[in-house]
């Protein structure tokens, strides 16, 4: 992913391999079912869905006709449905947008937020974690930039699953620790790097959430123009400094504001900066010196 980058430090590899877990059942969840469910999602979202088979996963965005994002969601196919989850603050608006055309098509959209638990697990022992939760639907995720998966399970079984994971050597992670890992890996998140003003290409999610060769959908023309023009005015960048950085701080280059910090964890941060800012450029953030880290593709 073009927007991801790495920091070379002794604890980086350890954190990536750590067998962590966290309860993220507060994320909004939908179950989309009916004979035309894949066609319906294919028409509504930026990703291709018509070739999905049970167990396959897709990230996708809903965008406006001008290409700006309305929301970002992760999906997994089952035998008879597509399950979706996304940030809690998107729950009212995204469900309303998705449901707009559902009455005209043989498809049903159920809000199952309260019915299903969602447990995030990371590390090299994902198969072991799934074995401890035999009722779970495994949903691999790129949201942290390391091997990870969400486990969908009936809400009533979540507490036992969390206890079983802890009892088998998995370490319960705080959201602060997960955020630090996400920031270190350079992965954007809705409500931080992505909002209603964002184009998918600005934060690099188009590489896994936009299908440029599929049929017509709302915003397709805007996506194609940006893709073939190959240009956006700002991009996601990783910042590194010796002093703590703070979300919301301006990024200053030669006395001019060239961006803003969107997420921060101590001396590491993500920022949306002008596309002309080159890797390894030294900038000022909140009065402290920082460097735009080199960007590497996985």
Protein backbone atom coordinates (compact mmCIF):
# COMPACT_ATOMS: atom_id res chain seq x y z
CA UNK A 1 0.00 0.00 0.00
CA UNK A 2 1.49 3.29 -1.11
CA UNK A 3 0.60 5.16 2.05
CA UNK A 4 2.27 2.71 4.41
CA UNK A 5 5.79 3.00 5.77
CA UNK A 6 7.97 1.35 8.37
CA UNK A 7 10.14 2.48 11.25
CA UNK A 8 13.30 0.47 11.89
CA UNK A 9 13.37 -0.11 15.63
CA UNK A 10 13.95 -3.10 17.89
CA UNK A 11 10.38 -3.20 19.16
CA UNK A 12 8.68 -2.91 15.76
CA UNK A 13 9.01 -6.57 14.77
CA UNK A 14 8.01 -7.68 18.26
CA UNK A 15 4.83 -5.61 18.15
CA UNK A 16 3.91 -6.89 14.71
CA UNK A 17 4.22 -10.51 15.86
CA UNK A 18 2.49 -9.98 19.20
CA UNK A 19 -0.63 -12.07 19.75
CA UNK A 20 -2.97 -9.32 20.81
CA UNK A 21 -6.75 -9.17 21.14
CA UNK A 22 -9.32 -6.47 21.78
CA UNK A 23 -13.08 -6.24 22.02
CA UNK A 24 -14.35 -4.03 19.21
CA UNK A 25 -17.99 -4.98 19.45
CA UNK A 26 -18.91 -1.29 19.45
CA UNK A 27 -18.28 -1.12 15.71
CA UNK A 28 -21.42 -0.82 13.60
CA UNK A 29 -22.41 -4.05 11.84
CA UNK A 30 -24.74 -4.94 8.98
CA UNK A 31 -25.98 -8.21 7.51
CA UNK A 32 -26.91 -7.79 3.85
CA UNK A 33 -28.80 -10.74 2.39
CA UNK A 34 -31.13 -11.65 -0.43
CA UNK A 35 -30.56 -13.07 -3.93
CA UNK A 36 -29.19 -9.82 -5.39
CA UNK A 37 -26.97 -8.82 -2.46
CA UNK A 38 -23.67 -9.01 -4.39
CA UNK A 39 -25.06 -7.13 -7.38
CA UNK A 40 -26.52 -4.51 -5.03
CA UNK A 41 -23.19 -3.85 -3.28
CA UNK A 42 -21.37 -3.90 -6.61
CA UNK A 43 -23.57 -1.00 -7.76
CA UNK A 44 -23.30 1.00 -4.54
CA UNK A 45 -19.65 0.80 -3.51
CA UNK A 46 -16.20 1.33 -5.01
CA UNK A 47 -15.17 -2.31 -4.74
CA UNK A 48 -16.16 -5.29 -6.93
CA UNK A 49 -18.53 -7.72 -5.21
CA UNK A 50 -20.14 -9.89 -7.88
CA UNK A 51 -17.34 -12.47 -7.77
CA UNK A 52 -17.28 -12.81 -3.97
CA UNK A 53 -17.39 -16.35 -2.56
CA UNK A 54 -17.97 -17.43 1.06
CA UNK A 55 -15.01 -16.43 3.19
CA UNK A 56 -13.67 -13.76 0.85
CA UNK A 57 -13.18 -10.25 2.23
CA UNK A 58 -13.32 -6.82 0.61
CA UNK A 59 -12.76 -3.28 1.85
CA UNK A 60 -14.89 -0.67 0.13
CA UNK A 61 -15.88 2.97 0.22
CA UNK A 62 -19.12 4.73 -0.52
CA UNK A 63 -18.43 7.98 -2.35
CA UNK A 64 -20.27 10.97 -3.77
CA UNK A 65 -20.57 11.75 -7.46
CA UNK A 66 -17.51 13.98 -7.01
CA UNK A 67 -15.46 11.16 -5.47
CA UNK A 68 -15.43 12.26 -1.83
CA UNK A 69 -16.01 9.58 0.77
CA UNK A 70 -19.30 8.98 2.54
CA UNK A 71 -17.93 6.08 4.51
CA UNK A 72 -15.47 3.20 4.64
CA UNK A 73 -16.37 -0.37 5.50
CA UNK A 74 -14.92 -3.88 5.67
CA UNK A 75 -16.94 -6.84 4.38
CA UNK A 76 -16.85 -10.63 4.49
CA UNK A 77 -19.05 -13.04 2.52
CA UNK A 78 -20.86 -15.99 4.08
CA UNK A 79 -22.98 -18.66 2.40
CA UNK A 80 -26.11 -16.52 2.47
CA UNK A 81 -25.08 -12.94 3.28
CA UNK A 82 -22.41 -10.26 3.31
CA UNK A 83 -21.41 -9.00 6.75
CA UNK A 84 -20.09 -5.44 7.03
CA UNK A 85 -18.55 -3.50 9.88
CA UNK A 86 -17.43 0.13 10.17
CA UNK A 87 -16.78 2.92 12.64
CA UNK A 88 -19.65 3.57 15.10
CA UNK A 89 -20.07 7.21 14.07
CA UNK A 90 -21.01 6.10 10.55
CA UNK A 91 -23.87 3.92 11.73
CA UNK A 92 -26.85 6.23 11.07
CA UNK A 93 -25.72 7.85 7.84
CA UNK A 94 -24.14 4.89 6.09
CA UNK A 95 -27.07 2.60 6.81
CA UNK A 96 -29.44 5.25 5.46
CA UNK A 97 -27.35 5.67 2.30
CA UNK A 98 -27.08 1.94 1.67
CA UNK A 99 -30.80 1.41 2.32
CA UNK A 100 -31.96 4.07 -0.11
CA UNK A 101 -32.38 1.73 -3.08
CA UNK A 102 -32.83 -1.55 -1.18
CA UNK A 103 -36.67 -1.50 -1.40
CA UNK A 104 -36.40 -1.64 -5.21
CA UNK A 105 -34.17 -4.74 -5.22
CA UNK A 106 -34.54 -8.20 -3.64
CA UNK A 107 -32.06 -7.42 -0.90
CA UNK A 108 -32.41 -6.84 2.85
CA UNK A 109 -30.16 -4.78 5.11
CA UNK A 110 -30.26 -5.69 8.80
CA UNK A 111 -28.54 -3.66 11.50
CA UNK A 112 -26.97 -6.41 13.64
CA UNK A 113 -24.75 -4.17 15.76
CA UNK A 114 -26.22 -5.38 19.03
CA UNK A 115 -26.57 -9.02 17.95
CA UNK A 116 -22.97 -9.73 17.03
CA UNK A 117 -19.70 -9.37 18.92
CA UNK A 118 -16.50 -8.40 17.13
CA UNK A 119 -13.12 -9.39 18.54
CA UNK A 120 -9.90 -8.18 16.91
CA UNK A 121 -6.90 -10.52 17.07
CA UNK A 122 -3.38 -9.91 15.73
CA UNK A 123 -0.16 -11.83 15.25
CA UNK A 124 0.91 -15.17 13.85
CA UNK A 125 -1.60 -17.23 15.85
CA UNK A 126 -4.81 -16.23 14.07
CA UNK A 127 -5.69 -19.85 13.34
CA UNK A 128 -5.30 -20.71 17.03
CA UNK A 129 -7.53 -17.77 17.97
CA UNK A 130 -10.20 -18.92 15.53
CA UNK A 131 -9.99 -22.42 17.01
CA UNK A 132 -10.75 -21.01 20.46
CA UNK A 133 -13.90 -19.41 19.04
CA UNK A 134 -15.45 -22.22 16.94
CA UNK A 135 -18.65 -20.27 16.26
CA UNK A 136 -16.76 -17.29 14.91
CA UNK A 137 -16.67 -16.05 11.33
CA UNK A 138 -13.09 -15.08 10.52
CA UNK A 139 -12.73 -11.72 8.79
CA UNK A 140 -9.14 -10.86 7.89
CA UNK A 141 -8.35 -7.15 8.14
CA UNK A 142 -5.63 -4.80 6.86
CA UNK A 143 -6.66 -2.08 9.30
CA UNK A 144 -3.49 -2.33 11.42
CA UNK A 145 -0.94 -3.09 8.72
CA UNK A 146 0.02 -6.41 10.37
CA UNK A 147 -1.55 -9.90 10.21
CA UNK A 148 -4.92 -9.50 11.95
CA UNK A 149 -8.52 -10.62 11.80
CA UNK A 150 -11.88 -9.77 13.27
CA UNK A 151 -13.86 -12.64 14.74
CA UNK A 152 -17.62 -12.27 14.30
CA UNK A 153 -19.57 -14.15 16.96
CA UNK A 154 -22.97 -14.07 18.65
CA UNK A 155 -22.89 -11.25 21.19
CA UNK A 156 -23.74 -13.64 24.04
CA UNK A 157 -20.49 -15.57 23.45
CA UNK A 158 -18.13 -12.60 23.37
CA UNK A 159 -17.26 -12.54 27.07
CA UNK A 160 -16.27 -16.23 27.05
CA UNK A 161 -14.21 -15.75 23.89
CA UNK A 162 -12.28 -12.89 25.49
CA UNK A 163 -11.64 -15.00 28.57
CA UNK A 164 -10.49 -17.98 26.50
CA UNK A 165 -8.09 -15.86 24.47
CA UNK A 166 -6.56 -14.41 27.62
CA UNK A 167 -6.25 -17.90 29.09
CA UNK A 168 -4.32 -19.16 26.08
CA UNK A 169 -1.59 -16.55 26.04
CA UNK A 170 -3.15 -13.81 23.97
CA UNK A 171 -2.55 -10.36 25.38
CA UNK A 172 -5.40 -7.90 25.79
CA UNK A 173 -4.48 -4.68 23.97
CA UNK A 174 -5.67 -1.21 24.79
CA UNK A 175 -6.96 0.99 21.99
CA UNK A 176 -3.94 3.25 22.56
CA UNK A 177 -1.60 0.35 21.81
CA UNK A 178 -3.53 -0.60 18.68
CA UNK A 179 -3.50 3.00 17.53
CA UNK A 180 0.26 3.19 18.02
CA UNK A 181 0.66 0.07 15.87
CA UNK A 182 -1.64 1.44 13.17
CA UNK A 183 0.18 4.78 13.11
CA UNK A 184 3.59 3.09 12.97
CA UNK A 185 2.38 1.05 9.97
CA UNK A 186 0.90 4.09 8.25
CA UNK A 187 -2.68 2.81 7.91
CA UNK A 188 -5.48 5.41 7.64
CA UNK A 189 -8.64 5.18 9.73
CA UNK A 190 -12.06 6.73 9.33
CA UNK A 191 -12.53 9.71 11.63
CA UNK A 192 -8.79 10.37 11.70
CA UNK A 193 -7.26 10.37 8.22
CA UNK A 194 -10.54 9.80 6.37
CA UNK A 195 -13.67 11.94 6.54
CA UNK A 196 -16.37 13.33 4.27
CA UNK A 197 -13.85 15.57 2.46
CA UNK A 198 -11.42 12.77 1.62
CA UNK A 199 -10.73 11.21 -1.77
CA UNK A 200 -9.68 7.53 -1.43
CA UNK A 201 -6.48 8.20 -3.39
CA UNK A 202 -5.30 10.80 -0.87
CA UNK A 203 -4.86 8.16 1.81
CA UNK A 204 -3.96 5.20 -0.39
CA UNK A 205 -7.03 3.07 0.34
CA UNK A 206 -7.90 2.93 -3.36
CA UNK A 207 -5.31 0.17 -3.73
CA UNK A 208 -7.48 -2.21 -1.70
CA UNK A 209 -10.92 -0.61 -1.79
CA UNK A 210 -11.43 0.74 -5.33
CA UNK A 211 -11.89 -1.45 -8.41
CA UNK A 212 -11.05 0.65 -11.45
CA UNK A 213 -12.27 -1.82 -14.08
CA UNK A 214 -15.74 -2.69 -12.85
CA UNK A 215 -19.06 -1.35 -14.15
CA UNK A 216 -20.82 1.89 -13.37
CA UNK A 217 -21.37 3.12 -9.81
CA UNK A 218 -21.87 6.50 -8.19
CA UNK A 219 -18.59 8.42 -8.32
CA UNK A 220 -16.91 6.11 -10.85
CA UNK A 221 -16.11 8.97 -13.26
CA UNK A 222 -14.39 10.95 -10.50
CA UNK A 223 -12.36 7.89 -9.45
CA UNK A 224 -11.27 7.29 -13.05
CA UNK A 225 -10.21 10.90 -13.58
CA UNK A 226 -8.03 10.92 -10.47
CA UNK A 227 -6.61 7.49 -11.29
CA UNK A 228 -5.61 8.24 -14.87
CA UNK A 229 -4.50 11.77 -14.08
CA UNK A 230 -2.43 10.33 -11.26
CA UNK A 231 -2.63 13.45 -9.14
CA UNK A 232 -4.15 14.55 -5.85
CA UNK A 233 -3.34 17.75 -3.99
CA UNK A 234 -2.53 16.09 -0.67
CA UNK A 235 -1.34 12.69 0.51
CA UNK A 236 -1.00 10.70 3.69
CA UNK A 237 2.47 10.91 5.23
CA UNK A 238 4.25 9.42 8.23
CA UNK A 239 5.99 11.86 10.55
CA UNK A 240 8.69 11.02 13.03
CA UNK A 241 10.09 13.29 15.72
CA UNK A 242 12.09 13.19 18.93
CA UNK A 243 9.29 14.94 20.85
CA UNK A 244 5.63 13.93 21.23
CA UNK A 245 3.43 15.02 18.33
CA UNK A 246 -0.25 15.89 18.67
CA UNK A 247 -3.26 15.36 16.42
CA UNK A 248 -4.53 18.64 15.01
CA UNK A 249 -1.12 20.29 14.91
CA UNK A 250 -0.14 22.12 11.74
CA UNK A 251 2.73 20.83 9.62
CA UNK A 252 4.99 23.77 8.71
CA UNK A 253 7.56 23.84 5.93
CA UNK A 254 9.60 27.00 5.33
CA UNK A 255 7.08 29.03 7.31
CA UNK A 256 4.07 27.77 5.38
CA UNK A 257 1.31 25.41 6.47
CA UNK A 258 1.60 22.27 4.30
CA UNK A 259 -0.64 19.91 6.24
CA UNK A 260 -2.14 18.78 9.52
CA UNK A 261 -1.48 15.89 11.89
CA UNK A 262 -4.42 13.47 11.90
CA UNK A 263 -3.22 10.81 14.37
CA UNK A 264 -0.32 10.76 16.82
CA UNK A 265 1.35 8.43 19.28
CA UNK A 266 4.29 9.96 21.12
CA UNK A 267 6.90 10.84 18.47
CA UNK A 268 5.10 9.14 15.60
CA UNK A 269 2.22 10.60 13.63
CA UNK A 270 0.19 10.45 10.47
CA UNK A 271 -0.58 13.64 8.59
CA UNK A 272 -2.26 14.78 5.42
CA UNK A 273 0.29 16.98 3.67
CA UNK A 274 0.55 18.68 0.31
CA UNK A 275 1.57 16.27 -2.39
CA UNK A 276 4.67 18.36 -3.21
CA UNK A 277 6.24 17.57 0.19
CA UNK A 278 8.98 15.00 -0.48
CA UNK A 279 10.04 12.07 1.73
CA UNK A 280 12.80 12.85 4.22
CA UNK A 281 11.79 16.52 4.32
CA UNK A 282 12.27 18.19 7.69
CA UNK A 283 9.19 20.05 8.94
CA UNK A 284 7.99 21.73 12.11
CA UNK A 285 5.01 20.35 14.00
CA UNK A 286 3.71 22.25 17.02
CA UNK A 287 7.10 23.93 17.41
CA UNK A 288 8.99 20.63 17.31
CA UNK A 289 11.13 19.29 14.48
CA UNK A 290 9.90 16.22 12.61
CA UNK A 291 10.76 14.32 9.45
CA UNK A 292 8.50 13.05 6.71
CA UNK A 293 9.45 9.36 6.73
CA UNK A 294 10.23 7.50 3.51
CA UNK A 295 7.27 5.65 2.04
CA UNK A 296 7.70 1.98 1.18
CA UNK A 297 5.31 -0.36 -0.61
CA UNK A 298 4.55 -3.75 0.91
